[in-house]
Amino acid sequence: MAEERRDERGVRDAREARDGREGAQEVGESWGRSARPEEAEAWEALVATARRTVADGLVVGTSGNVSVRVGDTVLVTPSGVPYDRLTPEDVTGVDLDGGRVLGSLVPTSELPMHLAVYRATDAGAVVHTHAVHATAVSTLVPELPLIHYMAAALGGPVRVAPYATYGTQELAENMLHALTDRTACLLRNHGTISYGATLDQAYDRTAQLEWMCRLWLTASSVPGLSPTLLSAGQVAEVGERLRGYGQRDAASGR
């Protein structure tokens, strides 16, 4: 009997060591093929970005998600797994129709939003958060007031997508409307979503949006005063200037 208990305990300990994930959905058999070298490298960068969202206070627990596109495969954070426990073996990937092609973990419940962005844009990466200031703003206004010219870096005034239950196609459709000619939007009573050509760009846009929301909330909180706002024309002018912003390649002149 004691030996049986030891065997049962050994099986349980092995399962817990393999999972190491509180709140994770059930782990099944590995799907499809093994990760290619470029996918393994992209997964490492994705995990680092996901951990950064927590370290920078944009996400609490597993409340956000991150994805990156490699060819026709979308690597995405799995559902309910703390980012600090993700390993190279946890690589999770789907095709553009949502079919699982890599890994054994269940993809994030917000997969419809991520896939909708990839189908509608040339995005290389998507970051979704529940950042506190941005989420607060999403409950107050239909569009983030033009408190700072860096709205131009997101394509213009940041819209708020109407509320819909998380993980639904309705939410994905609402998000796409709000993202028209934009690279980021707010999700009412929910959070933010941003995309970019790279994980770094998608993350930077997310952080910029949260900062602008915090700025507007801070300025709006002063009793008896209202913050001055920029005009759409002023922001558009900045957008033109930003097209040439940054370091240029000396050889190509870009």
Protein backbone atom coordinates (compact mmCIF):
# COMPACT_ATOMS: atom_id res chain seq x y z
CA MET A 1 0.00 0.00 0.00
CA ALA A 2 2.79 2.38 0.89
CA GLU A 3 4.48 1.60 -2.42
CA GLU A 4 1.24 2.33 -4.29
CA ARG A 5 0.94 5.67 -2.52
CA ARG A 6 4.53 6.49 -3.44
CA ASP A 7 3.80 5.60 -7.07
CA GLU A 8 0.66 7.78 -7.09
CA ARG A 9 2.57 10.63 -5.50
CA GLY A 10 5.35 10.24 -8.05
CA VAL A 11 2.90 10.43 -10.94
CA ARG A 12 1.24 13.49 -9.42
CA ASP A 13 4.56 15.22 -8.83
CA ALA A 14 5.65 14.50 -12.39
CA ARG A 15 2.40 15.93 -13.75
CA GLU A 16 2.74 19.06 -11.62
CA ALA A 17 6.36 19.48 -12.69
CA ARG A 18 5.35 19.14 -16.31
CA ASP A 19 2.52 21.61 -16.02
CA GLY A 20 3.83 24.02 -13.37
CA ARG A 21 0.83 26.18 -14.17
CA GLU A 22 -1.85 27.37 -11.78
CA GLY A 23 -5.14 27.86 -13.57
CA ALA A 24 -3.90 26.49 -16.88
CA GLN A 25 -6.37 24.61 -19.03
CA GLU A 26 -5.78 20.91 -19.43
CA VAL A 27 -2.66 19.90 -21.29
CA GLY A 28 -3.26 17.46 -24.13
CA GLU A 29 -1.18 15.73 -26.75
CA SER A 30 1.19 17.90 -28.76
CA TRP A 31 -0.37 19.21 -31.96
CA GLY A 32 1.13 19.01 -35.42
CA ARG A 33 4.79 19.49 -36.12
CA SER A 34 7.82 20.65 -34.15
CA ALA A 35 8.69 24.33 -34.00
CA ARG A 36 11.03 25.55 -36.72
CA PRO A 37 14.14 27.52 -35.67
CA GLU A 38 12.58 30.87 -36.59
CA GLU A 39 9.46 29.97 -34.60
CA ALA A 40 11.49 28.95 -31.57
CA GLU A 41 13.33 32.28 -31.73
CA ALA A 42 10.06 34.20 -32.12
CA TRP A 43 8.54 32.31 -29.17
CA GLU A 44 11.44 33.36 -26.96
CA ALA A 45 10.85 36.99 -27.92
CA LEU A 46 7.11 36.62 -27.37
CA VAL A 47 7.61 35.26 -23.85
CA ALA A 48 10.00 38.12 -23.05
CA THR A 49 7.41 40.65 -24.24
CA ALA A 50 4.64 38.99 -22.26
CA ARG A 51 6.77 39.11 -19.12
CA ARG A 52 7.51 42.76 -19.81
CA THR A 53 3.80 43.60 -19.79
CA VAL A 54 3.62 42.25 -16.23
CA ALA A 55 6.87 43.89 -15.08
CA ASP A 56 5.71 47.28 -16.40
CA GLY A 57 2.30 47.02 -14.75
CA LEU A 58 0.27 46.71 -17.95
CA VAL A 59 -1.01 43.25 -17.01
CA VAL A 60 -1.93 41.58 -13.74
CA GLY A 61 -1.51 37.82 -13.65
CA THR A 62 -2.57 36.39 -17.00
CA SER A 63 -5.07 39.11 -17.89
CA GLY A 64 -3.44 40.06 -21.20
CA ASN A 65 -2.01 38.20 -24.16
CA VAL A 66 0.64 38.54 -26.84
CA SER A 67 1.06 37.07 -30.30
CA VAL A 68 3.56 37.20 -33.15
CA ARG A 69 3.22 36.06 -36.73
CA VAL A 70 5.84 33.87 -38.39
CA GLY A 71 4.81 33.22 -41.96
CA ASP A 72 1.34 31.70 -41.86
CA THR A 73 1.69 30.65 -38.23
CA VAL A 74 0.60 32.78 -35.28
CA LEU A 75 2.42 32.10 -32.03
CA VAL A 76 0.30 33.16 -29.06
CA THR A 77 0.39 33.03 -25.28
CA PRO A 78 -1.63 30.10 -23.92
CA SER A 79 -4.72 30.45 -21.76
CA GLY A 80 -4.28 30.79 -18.01
CA VAL A 81 -0.52 30.22 -17.83
CA PRO A 82 1.58 32.72 -15.81
CA TYR A 83 4.21 34.14 -18.13
CA ASP A 84 7.08 33.46 -15.76
CA ARG A 85 6.36 29.73 -16.12
CA LEU A 86 6.43 29.55 -19.89
CA THR A 87 9.27 27.50 -21.35
CA PRO A 88 10.50 26.77 -24.89
CA GLU A 89 8.50 23.54 -24.78
CA ASP A 90 5.28 25.52 -24.25
CA VAL A 91 5.33 27.05 -27.74
CA THR A 92 1.72 27.48 -28.84
CA GLY A 93 0.82 28.15 -32.46
CA VAL A 94 -2.21 28.29 -34.73
CA ASP A 95 -2.83 28.93 -38.40
CA LEU A 96 -4.71 32.02 -39.59
CA ASP A 97 -8.00 30.13 -39.29
CA GLY A 98 -7.32 29.30 -35.65
CA GLY A 99 -6.39 25.67 -36.18
CA ARG A 100 -3.77 24.48 -33.73
CA VAL A 101 -0.48 23.55 -35.37
CA LEU A 102 2.06 23.78 -32.52
CA GLY A 103 2.11 22.75 -28.89
CA SER A 104 -0.22 21.09 -26.41
CA LEU A 105 -1.58 24.13 -24.53
CA VAL A 106 -4.91 25.82 -25.25
CA PRO A 107 -4.36 29.24 -26.95
CA THR A 108 -5.57 32.42 -25.26
CA SER A 109 -9.33 32.94 -25.17
CA GLU A 110 -8.76 36.24 -27.00
CA LEU A 111 -7.49 34.43 -30.09
CA PRO A 112 -10.37 35.82 -32.26
CA MET A 113 -9.09 39.37 -31.72
CA HIS A 114 -5.52 38.47 -32.61
CA LEU A 115 -6.49 36.58 -35.74
CA ALA A 116 -8.83 39.37 -36.84
CA VAL A 117 -5.92 41.84 -36.73
CA TYR A 118 -3.65 39.56 -38.76
CA ARG A 119 -6.31 38.94 -41.40
CA ALA A 120 -7.15 42.64 -41.79
CA THR A 121 -3.69 44.24 -41.54
CA ASP A 122 -0.02 43.59 -42.22
CA ALA A 123 0.65 43.24 -38.47
CA GLY A 124 3.63 41.20 -37.35
CA ALA A 125 2.70 41.24 -33.66
CA VAL A 126 -0.24 42.06 -31.37
CA VAL A 127 -0.29 43.04 -27.69
CA HIS A 128 -3.47 43.06 -25.59
CA THR A 129 -3.49 44.36 -22.00
CA HIS A 130 -5.81 45.35 -19.18
CA ALA A 131 -3.72 48.44 -18.37
CA VAL A 132 -5.45 50.33 -15.56
CA HIS A 133 -5.41 53.91 -16.86
CA ALA A 134 -6.38 52.93 -20.39
CA THR A 135 -9.18 50.71 -19.10
CA ALA A 136 -10.41 53.57 -16.90
CA VAL A 137 -10.50 55.91 -19.90
CA SER A 138 -12.42 53.31 -21.90
CA THR A 139 -15.31 53.66 -19.42
CA LEU A 140 -15.48 57.46 -19.71
CA VAL A 141 -15.27 58.57 -23.34
CA PRO A 142 -15.89 57.24 -26.87
CA GLU A 143 -12.43 58.43 -27.93
CA LEU A 144 -9.28 59.40 -26.04
CA PRO A 145 -9.15 63.22 -26.09
CA LEU A 146 -6.17 64.64 -28.00
CA ILE A 147 -4.12 65.37 -24.91
CA HIS A 148 -0.76 64.76 -26.62
CA TYR A 149 0.66 64.83 -30.11
CA MET A 150 1.90 61.24 -29.84
CA ALA A 151 -1.61 60.17 -30.75
CA ALA A 152 -0.23 60.65 -34.26
CA ALA A 153 2.07 57.66 -33.72
CA LEU A 154 -1.05 55.49 -33.40
CA GLY A 155 -2.66 56.88 -36.54
CA GLY A 156 -4.75 59.63 -34.92
CA PRO A 157 -7.37 59.93 -32.18
CA VAL A 158 -7.65 56.61 -30.36
CA ARG A 159 -11.17 55.20 -30.50
CA VAL A 160 -12.99 53.08 -27.93
CA ALA A 161 -14.52 49.85 -29.27
CA PRO A 162 -18.02 49.10 -27.88
CA TYR A 163 -18.15 46.49 -25.15
CA ALA A 164 -18.64 42.82 -25.98
CA THR A 165 -17.92 39.66 -24.02
CA TYR A 166 -14.28 38.63 -24.09
CA GLY A 167 -13.25 35.98 -26.56
CA THR A 168 -16.22 36.55 -28.88
CA GLN A 169 -16.38 37.32 -32.57
CA GLU A 170 -18.49 40.36 -31.68
CA LEU A 171 -15.60 41.82 -29.70
CA ALA A 172 -13.20 41.12 -32.57
CA GLU A 173 -15.51 42.92 -35.01
CA ASN A 174 -15.96 45.90 -32.68
CA MET A 175 -12.20 46.11 -32.31
CA LEU A 176 -11.61 46.07 -36.08
CA HIS A 177 -13.97 49.00 -36.59
CA ALA A 178 -12.13 50.99 -33.90
CA LEU A 179 -8.79 50.11 -35.49
CA THR A 180 -9.68 51.50 -38.91
CA ASP A 181 -6.62 53.57 -39.96
CA ARG A 182 -5.21 53.10 -36.45
CA THR A 183 -2.64 50.81 -34.85
CA ALA A 184 -4.22 50.80 -31.39
CA CYS A 185 -7.60 51.18 -29.73
CA LEU A 186 -9.28 50.96 -26.37
CA LEU A 187 -11.79 48.23 -25.56
CA ARG A 188 -14.65 49.52 -23.41
CA ASN A 189 -14.56 48.21 -19.84
CA HIS A 190 -11.81 45.84 -20.92
CA GLY A 191 -8.39 47.20 -21.92
CA THR A 192 -6.19 47.91 -24.93
CA ILE A 193 -5.01 46.28 -28.12
CA SER A 194 -2.13 47.44 -30.29
CA TYR A 195 -0.27 45.98 -33.23
CA GLY A 196 2.96 46.62 -35.07
CA ALA A 197 5.45 45.21 -37.51
CA THR A 198 7.42 43.74 -34.59
CA LEU A 199 6.85 42.77 -30.98
CA ASP A 200 8.83 45.81 -29.84
CA GLN A 201 6.71 48.17 -31.93
CA ALA A 202 3.44 46.63 -30.77
CA TYR A 203 4.59 46.83 -27.15
CA ASP A 204 5.80 50.43 -27.49
CA ARG A 205 2.44 51.47 -28.90
CA THR A 206 0.68 49.79 -26.01
CA ALA A 207 2.88 51.59 -23.49
CA GLN A 208 2.41 54.91 -25.31
CA LEU A 209 -1.37 54.51 -25.20
CA GLU A 210 -1.36 53.74 -21.50
CA TRP A 211 0.84 56.80 -20.86
CA MET A 212 -1.48 59.11 -22.80
CA CYS A 213 -4.49 57.77 -20.91
CA ARG A 214 -2.72 58.36 -17.61
CA LEU A 215 -1.78 61.87 -18.74
CA TRP A 216 -5.37 62.74 -19.64
CA LEU A 217 -6.76 61.34 -16.39
CA THR A 218 -4.15 63.26 -14.40
CA ALA A 219 -4.80 66.58 -16.16
CA SER A 220 -8.57 66.10 -15.96
CA SER A 221 -8.46 65.50 -12.22
CA VAL A 222 -7.42 69.07 -11.32
CA PRO A 223 -10.49 70.78 -9.79
CA GLY A 224 -11.82 73.76 -11.70
CA LEU A 225 -9.55 73.30 -14.70
CA SER A 226 -9.82 71.44 -17.99
CA PRO A 227 -6.80 70.35 -20.00
CA THR A 228 -6.15 72.05 -23.32
CA LEU A 229 -6.45 69.69 -26.24
CA LEU A 230 -4.87 69.56 -29.67
CA SER A 231 -6.84 69.79 -32.87
CA ALA A 232 -7.06 66.96 -35.38
CA GLY A 233 -5.06 69.13 -37.77
CA GLN A 234 -2.24 69.61 -35.28
CA VAL A 235 -2.03 65.87 -34.70
CA ALA A 236 -2.08 65.19 -38.45
CA GLU A 237 0.83 67.60 -38.88
CA VAL A 238 2.81 65.66 -36.31
CA GLY A 239 1.94 62.47 -38.16
CA GLU A 240 3.63 63.84 -41.25
CA ARG A 241 6.74 64.79 -39.28
CA LEU A 242 6.91 61.36 -37.68
CA ARG A 243 7.23 59.73 -41.09
CA GLY A 244 10.84 60.89 -41.19
CA TYR A 245 11.55 60.42 -37.48
CA GLY A 246 14.40 58.26 -36.19
CA GLN A 247 17.79 57.12 -37.45
CA ARG A 248 18.27 56.80 -41.18
CA ASP A 249 20.38 54.27 -42.99
CA ALA A 250 23.49 56.16 -44.13
CA ALA A 251 23.97 54.03 -47.22
CA SER A 252 20.41 54.10 -48.47
CA GLY A 253 19.44 57.51 -47.12
CA ARG A 254 16.44 55.97 -45.34
